[in-house]
N, C-alpha and C. Protein backbone atom coordinates (compact mmCIF):
# COMPACT_ATOMS: atom_id res chain seq x y z
N MET A 1 -92.10 15.93 -40.79
CA MET A 1 -91.73 15.15 -40.02
C MET A 1 -90.70 14.48 -40.17
N GLU A 2 -89.76 14.80 -39.22
CA GLU A 2 -88.26 14.55 -39.15
C GLU A 2 -88.39 12.22 -38.90
N LYS A 3 -87.34 11.52 -39.55
CA LYS A 3 -87.16 10.79 -39.79
C LYS A 3 -86.68 9.77 -38.30
N ARG A 4 -86.77 9.06 -37.49
CA ARG A 4 -85.64 9.13 -36.71
C ARG A 4 -84.28 8.16 -36.99
N TYR A 5 -83.73 8.05 -36.36
CA TYR A 5 -82.34 7.52 -36.57
C TYR A 5 -82.43 6.29 -36.88
N SER A 6 -83.08 5.41 -36.38
CA SER A 6 -83.29 4.24 -36.40
C SER A 6 -83.87 3.61 -37.88
N GLU A 7 -84.63 4.62 -38.54
CA GLU A 7 -85.24 5.01 -39.40
C GLU A 7 -84.67 5.04 -40.69
N MET A 8 -83.27 5.82 -40.48
CA MET A 8 -82.71 6.37 -41.74
C MET A 8 -81.78 5.23 -42.54
N THR A 9 -81.37 5.58 -43.77
CA THR A 9 -80.54 4.15 -44.38
C THR A 9 -79.01 5.11 -43.91
N ASN A 10 -77.81 4.20 -44.16
CA ASN A 10 -76.44 4.62 -43.90
C ASN A 10 -76.13 6.43 -44.45
N TYR A 11 -76.75 6.47 -45.67
CA TYR A 11 -76.16 7.59 -46.13
C TYR A 11 -77.39 9.09 -45.58
N GLU A 12 -78.54 8.63 -45.33
CA GLU A 12 -78.88 9.62 -44.62
C GLU A 12 -78.63 10.04 -43.24
N LEU A 13 -78.40 9.47 -42.51
CA LEU A 13 -76.90 8.83 -40.92
C LEU A 13 -75.92 10.23 -41.78
N ASN A 14 -75.38 9.72 -42.54
CA ASN A 14 -74.36 10.47 -42.79
C ASN A 14 -74.45 12.16 -43.10
N ILE A 15 -75.80 12.65 -44.10
CA ILE A 15 -75.85 13.73 -43.93
C ILE A 15 -76.31 13.90 -42.53
N GLU A 16 -77.13 13.55 -42.03
CA GLU A 16 -77.58 13.97 -40.60
C GLU A 16 -76.30 14.44 -40.00
N ILE A 17 -75.31 13.75 -40.00
CA ILE A 17 -74.09 13.79 -39.26
C ILE A 17 -73.16 15.30 -39.81
N SER A 18 -72.81 15.30 -41.08
CA SER A 18 -72.52 16.20 -41.43
C SER A 18 -73.27 17.67 -41.05
N ALA A 19 -74.72 17.61 -41.12
CA ALA A 19 -75.44 18.87 -40.71
C ALA A 19 -75.53 19.42 -39.28
N LEU A 20 -75.08 17.82 -38.16
CA LEU A 20 -74.83 18.06 -36.82
C LEU A 20 -73.23 18.79 -36.48
N GLN A 21 -72.74 18.81 -37.54
CA GLN A 21 -70.97 19.04 -37.23
C GLN A 21 -71.51 20.53 -37.75
N GLN A 22 -71.81 20.69 -38.67
CA GLN A 22 -71.98 22.33 -39.15
C GLN A 22 -72.99 22.87 -38.01
N LYS A 23 -73.73 22.76 -37.00
CA LYS A 23 -74.36 23.11 -36.01
C LYS A 23 -73.78 23.16 -35.11
N MET A 24 -72.90 21.63 -34.56
CA MET A 24 -72.11 22.16 -34.01
C MET A 24 -70.52 23.31 -34.02
N GLN A 25 -70.34 23.27 -35.10
CA GLN A 25 -69.00 25.12 -35.40
C GLN A 25 -69.99 26.16 -35.01
N LYS A 26 -70.63 25.89 -35.26
CA LYS A 26 -71.93 27.75 -35.34
C LYS A 26 -72.26 27.77 -33.87
N ALA A 27 -72.46 26.55 -32.49
CA ALA A 27 -72.59 26.89 -31.22
C ALA A 27 -71.83 27.04 -30.64
N GLU A 28 -70.71 26.40 -31.08
CA GLU A 28 -69.30 26.38 -30.82
C GLU A 28 -68.77 28.09 -31.15
N GLN A 29 -68.85 28.80 -32.43
CA GLN A 29 -67.99 30.12 -32.58
C GLN A 29 -69.39 30.85 -31.55
N MET A 30 -70.04 30.57 -31.21
CA MET A 30 -71.15 31.73 -30.45
C MET A 30 -71.02 31.41 -29.25
N GLY A 31 -70.00 30.67 -28.97
CA GLY A 31 -70.23 30.62 -27.52
C GLY A 31 -71.21 29.73 -26.22
N MET A 32 -72.31 28.74 -27.25
CA MET A 32 -73.28 28.56 -26.81
C MET A 32 -73.23 27.07 -26.02
N VAL A 33 -72.37 26.69 -25.19
CA VAL A 33 -72.10 25.42 -24.90
C VAL A 33 -73.52 24.41 -24.53
N ASN A 34 -74.15 24.98 -23.82
CA ASN A 34 -75.05 23.91 -24.06
C ASN A 34 -75.75 23.37 -25.14
N GLU A 35 -75.81 24.25 -26.02
CA GLU A 35 -76.62 23.86 -27.44
C GLU A 35 -75.14 22.89 -28.45
N PHE A 36 -73.67 23.21 -28.12
CA PHE A 36 -72.77 22.73 -28.31
C PHE A 36 -72.89 20.85 -28.33
N ALA A 37 -72.92 20.99 -26.55
CA ALA A 37 -73.15 19.81 -26.25
C ALA A 37 -74.23 19.02 -26.84
N VAL A 38 -75.44 19.22 -26.70
CA VAL A 38 -76.87 19.26 -27.44
C VAL A 38 -76.52 18.45 -28.68
N TYR A 39 -75.72 19.23 -29.66
CA TYR A 39 -75.28 18.61 -30.94
C TYR A 39 -74.81 17.29 -30.89
N GLU A 40 -73.51 17.48 -29.88
CA GLU A 40 -72.03 16.39 -29.13
C GLU A 40 -72.86 15.42 -29.52
N ARG A 41 -74.09 15.06 -28.68
CA ARG A 41 -74.64 13.89 -27.72
C ARG A 41 -75.40 13.50 -28.99
N LYS A 42 -76.23 14.26 -30.05
CA LYS A 42 -76.97 13.72 -31.41
C LYS A 42 -76.39 13.03 -32.10
N MET A 43 -74.77 13.83 -32.58
CA MET A 43 -74.03 13.14 -33.20
C MET A 43 -73.51 11.59 -32.94
N ALA A 44 -72.72 11.60 -31.60
CA ALA A 44 -72.76 10.42 -30.96
C ALA A 44 -73.92 9.47 -31.55
N VAL A 45 -74.71 9.50 -30.97
CA VAL A 45 -76.51 8.31 -31.52
C VAL A 45 -76.36 8.41 -32.64
N ALA A 46 -76.10 9.15 -33.71
CA ALA A 46 -76.48 9.29 -35.32
C ALA A 46 -75.62 8.28 -35.23
N LYS A 47 -74.10 8.06 -34.71
CA LYS A 47 -72.81 7.46 -35.33
C LYS A 47 -73.09 6.40 -34.90
N SER A 48 -73.85 5.66 -33.61
CA SER A 48 -74.35 4.50 -32.85
C SER A 48 -74.59 3.65 -34.22
N TYR A 49 -75.90 4.61 -35.16
CA TYR A 49 -76.87 3.61 -35.77
C TYR A 49 -75.57 2.90 -37.06
N LEU A 50 -74.45 3.87 -37.12
CA LEU A 50 -73.92 3.40 -38.57
C LEU A 50 -73.21 2.24 -37.81
N LEU A 51 -72.70 1.53 -36.83
CA LEU A 51 -72.37 0.48 -35.90
C LEU A 51 -73.03 -0.66 -35.76
N ASP A 52 -72.29 -2.07 -35.57
CA ASP A 52 -73.01 -2.89 -35.37
C ASP A 52 -73.05 -3.36 -33.77
N PRO A 53 -74.02 -3.01 -32.99
CA PRO A 53 -73.96 -3.50 -31.92
C PRO A 53 -73.34 -4.68 -31.54
N LYS A 54 -73.74 -5.86 -32.26
CA LYS A 54 -73.47 -7.41 -32.15
C LYS A 54 -71.54 -7.07 -31.83
N ASN A 55 -70.60 -6.02 -32.05
CA ASN A 55 -69.38 -6.14 -32.12
C ASN A 55 -68.85 -5.94 -30.70
N PHE A 56 -70.11 -5.39 -29.81
CA PHE A 56 -69.82 -4.89 -28.44
C PHE A 56 -70.35 -5.79 -27.27
N LYS A 57 -69.61 -6.51 -26.64
CA LYS A 57 -69.90 -7.20 -26.06
C LYS A 57 -70.08 -7.02 -24.38
N PRO A 58 -70.85 -7.81 -23.67
CA PRO A 58 -70.67 -7.87 -22.42
C PRO A 58 -69.59 -8.51 -21.39
N GLY A 59 -69.24 -7.96 -20.88
CA GLY A 59 -67.80 -8.41 -19.75
C GLY A 59 -66.29 -7.50 -20.44
N GLN A 60 -66.59 -7.23 -21.36
CA GLN A 60 -64.96 -6.42 -22.00
C GLN A 60 -65.42 -5.14 -21.86
N THR A 61 -64.20 -4.82 -21.82
CA THR A 61 -63.79 -3.13 -21.10
C THR A 61 -62.96 -2.41 -22.46
N TYR A 62 -64.22 -1.30 -22.69
CA TYR A 62 -63.68 -0.46 -23.05
C TYR A 62 -63.30 1.02 -23.07
N THR A 63 -62.81 1.98 -23.44
CA THR A 63 -62.20 3.16 -23.56
C THR A 63 -63.10 4.02 -23.54
N ILE A 64 -63.92 5.49 -22.86
CA ILE A 64 -64.77 6.02 -23.85
C ILE A 64 -63.90 7.41 -24.09
N GLU A 65 -64.10 7.66 -25.59
CA GLU A 65 -63.55 8.85 -26.12
C GLU A 65 -63.58 9.80 -25.30
N GLY A 66 -63.38 10.81 -25.43
CA GLY A 66 -63.82 12.12 -24.92
C GLY A 66 -63.15 11.85 -23.40
N ASP A 67 -63.06 11.14 -22.30
CA ASP A 67 -62.82 11.18 -21.16
C ASP A 67 -61.38 10.14 -21.40
N PRO A 68 -60.20 10.74 -21.43
CA PRO A 68 -58.79 10.14 -21.71
C PRO A 68 -58.61 9.56 -20.18
N GLY A 69 -58.74 8.18 -20.25
CA GLY A 69 -57.86 7.46 -18.74
C GLY A 69 -59.07 6.73 -18.14
N SER A 70 -60.40 6.79 -18.78
CA SER A 70 -61.62 6.10 -18.40
C SER A 70 -62.35 4.83 -18.70
N THR A 71 -62.42 4.12 -18.06
CA THR A 71 -62.72 2.90 -18.96
C THR A 71 -64.23 2.72 -18.36
N PHE A 72 -64.94 1.47 -19.34
CA PHE A 72 -66.48 1.11 -19.31
C PHE A 72 -66.03 -0.28 -19.74
N GLU A 73 -66.49 -0.98 -18.63
CA GLU A 73 -67.46 -2.55 -18.60
C GLU A 73 -68.42 -2.47 -19.27
N ILE A 74 -68.74 -3.31 -20.13
CA ILE A 74 -70.24 -3.47 -20.22
C ILE A 74 -71.09 -4.78 -19.80
N LEU A 75 -71.78 -4.30 -18.98
CA LEU A 75 -72.48 -5.24 -18.46
C LEU A 75 -73.99 -6.33 -19.37
N TYR A 76 -74.46 -5.19 -20.43
CA TYR A 76 -75.34 -5.94 -21.20
C TYR A 76 -75.62 -4.76 -22.15
N MET A 77 -76.10 -5.10 -23.56
CA MET A 77 -76.20 -4.27 -24.87
C MET A 77 -78.29 -4.11 -24.62
N ASN A 78 -78.53 -2.66 -24.80
CA ASN A 78 -79.90 -2.45 -25.23
C ASN A 78 -79.77 -1.70 -26.43
N GLY A 79 -80.07 -2.48 -28.05
CA GLY A 79 -80.30 -1.38 -28.82
C GLY A 79 -78.73 -0.85 -29.11
N ILE A 80 -78.30 0.31 -29.21
CA ILE A 80 -77.06 1.13 -29.51
C ILE A 80 -76.53 1.49 -28.22
N PHE A 81 -77.20 0.89 -27.56
CA PHE A 81 -76.58 1.63 -26.01
C PHE A 81 -75.64 0.56 -25.00
N ALA A 82 -74.61 0.86 -24.79
CA ALA A 82 -74.12 -0.51 -23.83
C ALA A 82 -74.22 0.38 -22.48
N TRP A 83 -74.80 -0.63 -21.45
CA TRP A 83 -75.04 -0.46 -20.12
C TRP A 83 -73.82 -0.77 -19.51
N GLY A 84 -73.17 -0.33 -18.53
CA GLY A 84 -72.30 -1.02 -17.51
C GLY A 84 -71.59 -0.09 -16.69
N TYR A 85 -70.72 -0.18 -15.87
CA TYR A 85 -69.91 0.46 -14.96
C TYR A 85 -68.38 1.26 -15.42
N ARG A 86 -68.07 2.29 -15.30
CA ARG A 86 -67.53 3.23 -15.53
C ARG A 86 -66.35 3.34 -14.72
N ASN A 87 -65.13 3.17 -15.15
CA ASN A 87 -64.23 3.11 -13.98
C ASN A 87 -63.90 2.07 -12.25
N HIS A 88 -64.90 0.39 -13.08
CA HIS A 88 -64.86 0.13 -11.84
C HIS A 88 -66.38 0.51 -10.00
N SER A 89 -67.15 1.64 -10.85
CA SER A 89 -67.40 1.66 -9.94
C SER A 89 -69.16 1.10 -9.79
N THR A 90 -69.94 1.47 -8.79
CA THR A 90 -71.12 0.79 -8.72
C THR A 90 -72.08 1.16 -9.61
N GLU A 91 -71.95 2.02 -9.82
CA GLU A 91 -73.45 3.12 -10.86
C GLU A 91 -73.52 2.84 -12.04
N LEU A 92 -74.51 2.34 -12.22
CA LEU A 92 -74.66 1.81 -13.75
C LEU A 92 -74.79 2.95 -14.19
N GLU A 93 -74.64 2.92 -15.83
CA GLU A 93 -74.52 4.29 -16.93
C GLU A 93 -74.90 3.63 -17.86
N ALA A 94 -75.38 4.36 -18.68
CA ALA A 94 -75.49 4.08 -19.93
C ALA A 94 -74.80 4.80 -21.68
N PHE A 95 -73.85 4.19 -22.65
CA PHE A 95 -73.26 4.95 -23.51
C PHE A 95 -73.30 4.78 -24.68
N PRO A 96 -73.45 5.97 -25.81
CA PRO A 96 -73.84 5.19 -27.16
C PRO A 96 -72.78 4.53 -27.84
N ILE A 97 -72.44 3.39 -28.33
CA ILE A 97 -71.63 2.50 -28.71
C ILE A 97 -70.86 3.27 -29.62
N SER A 98 -71.11 3.95 -30.13
CA SER A 98 -70.03 5.52 -31.29
C SER A 98 -68.76 5.56 -30.34
N LEU A 99 -69.31 6.29 -29.15
CA LEU A 99 -67.94 6.65 -27.81
C LEU A 99 -67.26 5.54 -27.52
N LEU A 100 -67.38 4.19 -27.65
CA LEU A 100 -66.60 3.01 -27.19
C LEU A 100 -65.90 2.58 -27.59
N LYS A 101 -64.63 2.36 -27.16
CA LYS A 101 -63.40 2.05 -28.15
C LYS A 101 -62.48 0.94 -27.41
N PRO A 102 -62.17 -0.31 -28.38
CA PRO A 102 -61.43 -1.54 -27.63
C PRO A 102 -60.26 -0.84 -26.82
N GLU A 103 -60.08 -1.62 -25.69
CA GLU A 103 -58.67 -0.90 -24.83
C GLU A 103 -57.35 -1.63 -25.68
């Protein structure tokens, strides 16, 4: 049985991230767009466990990796996920913290 990302050590997470990168490359080469997106999201979640959620503060605004020009204001944190609003919209969204970069 596989471990959850939350149960893995940093070393195990880095190995998992490397394996996901290889799977992403294969999926991209084979033109499997949906599979590529799944591995990309899994990798973002795994990378989030290498970061400290305490460094992400509610009320602060971040840019979203892979979405140039978009901003994200954190309303609250729930584990490794930041919940808030993208581009000042009224629709609540969640992002793994690895996708958020300080403005």
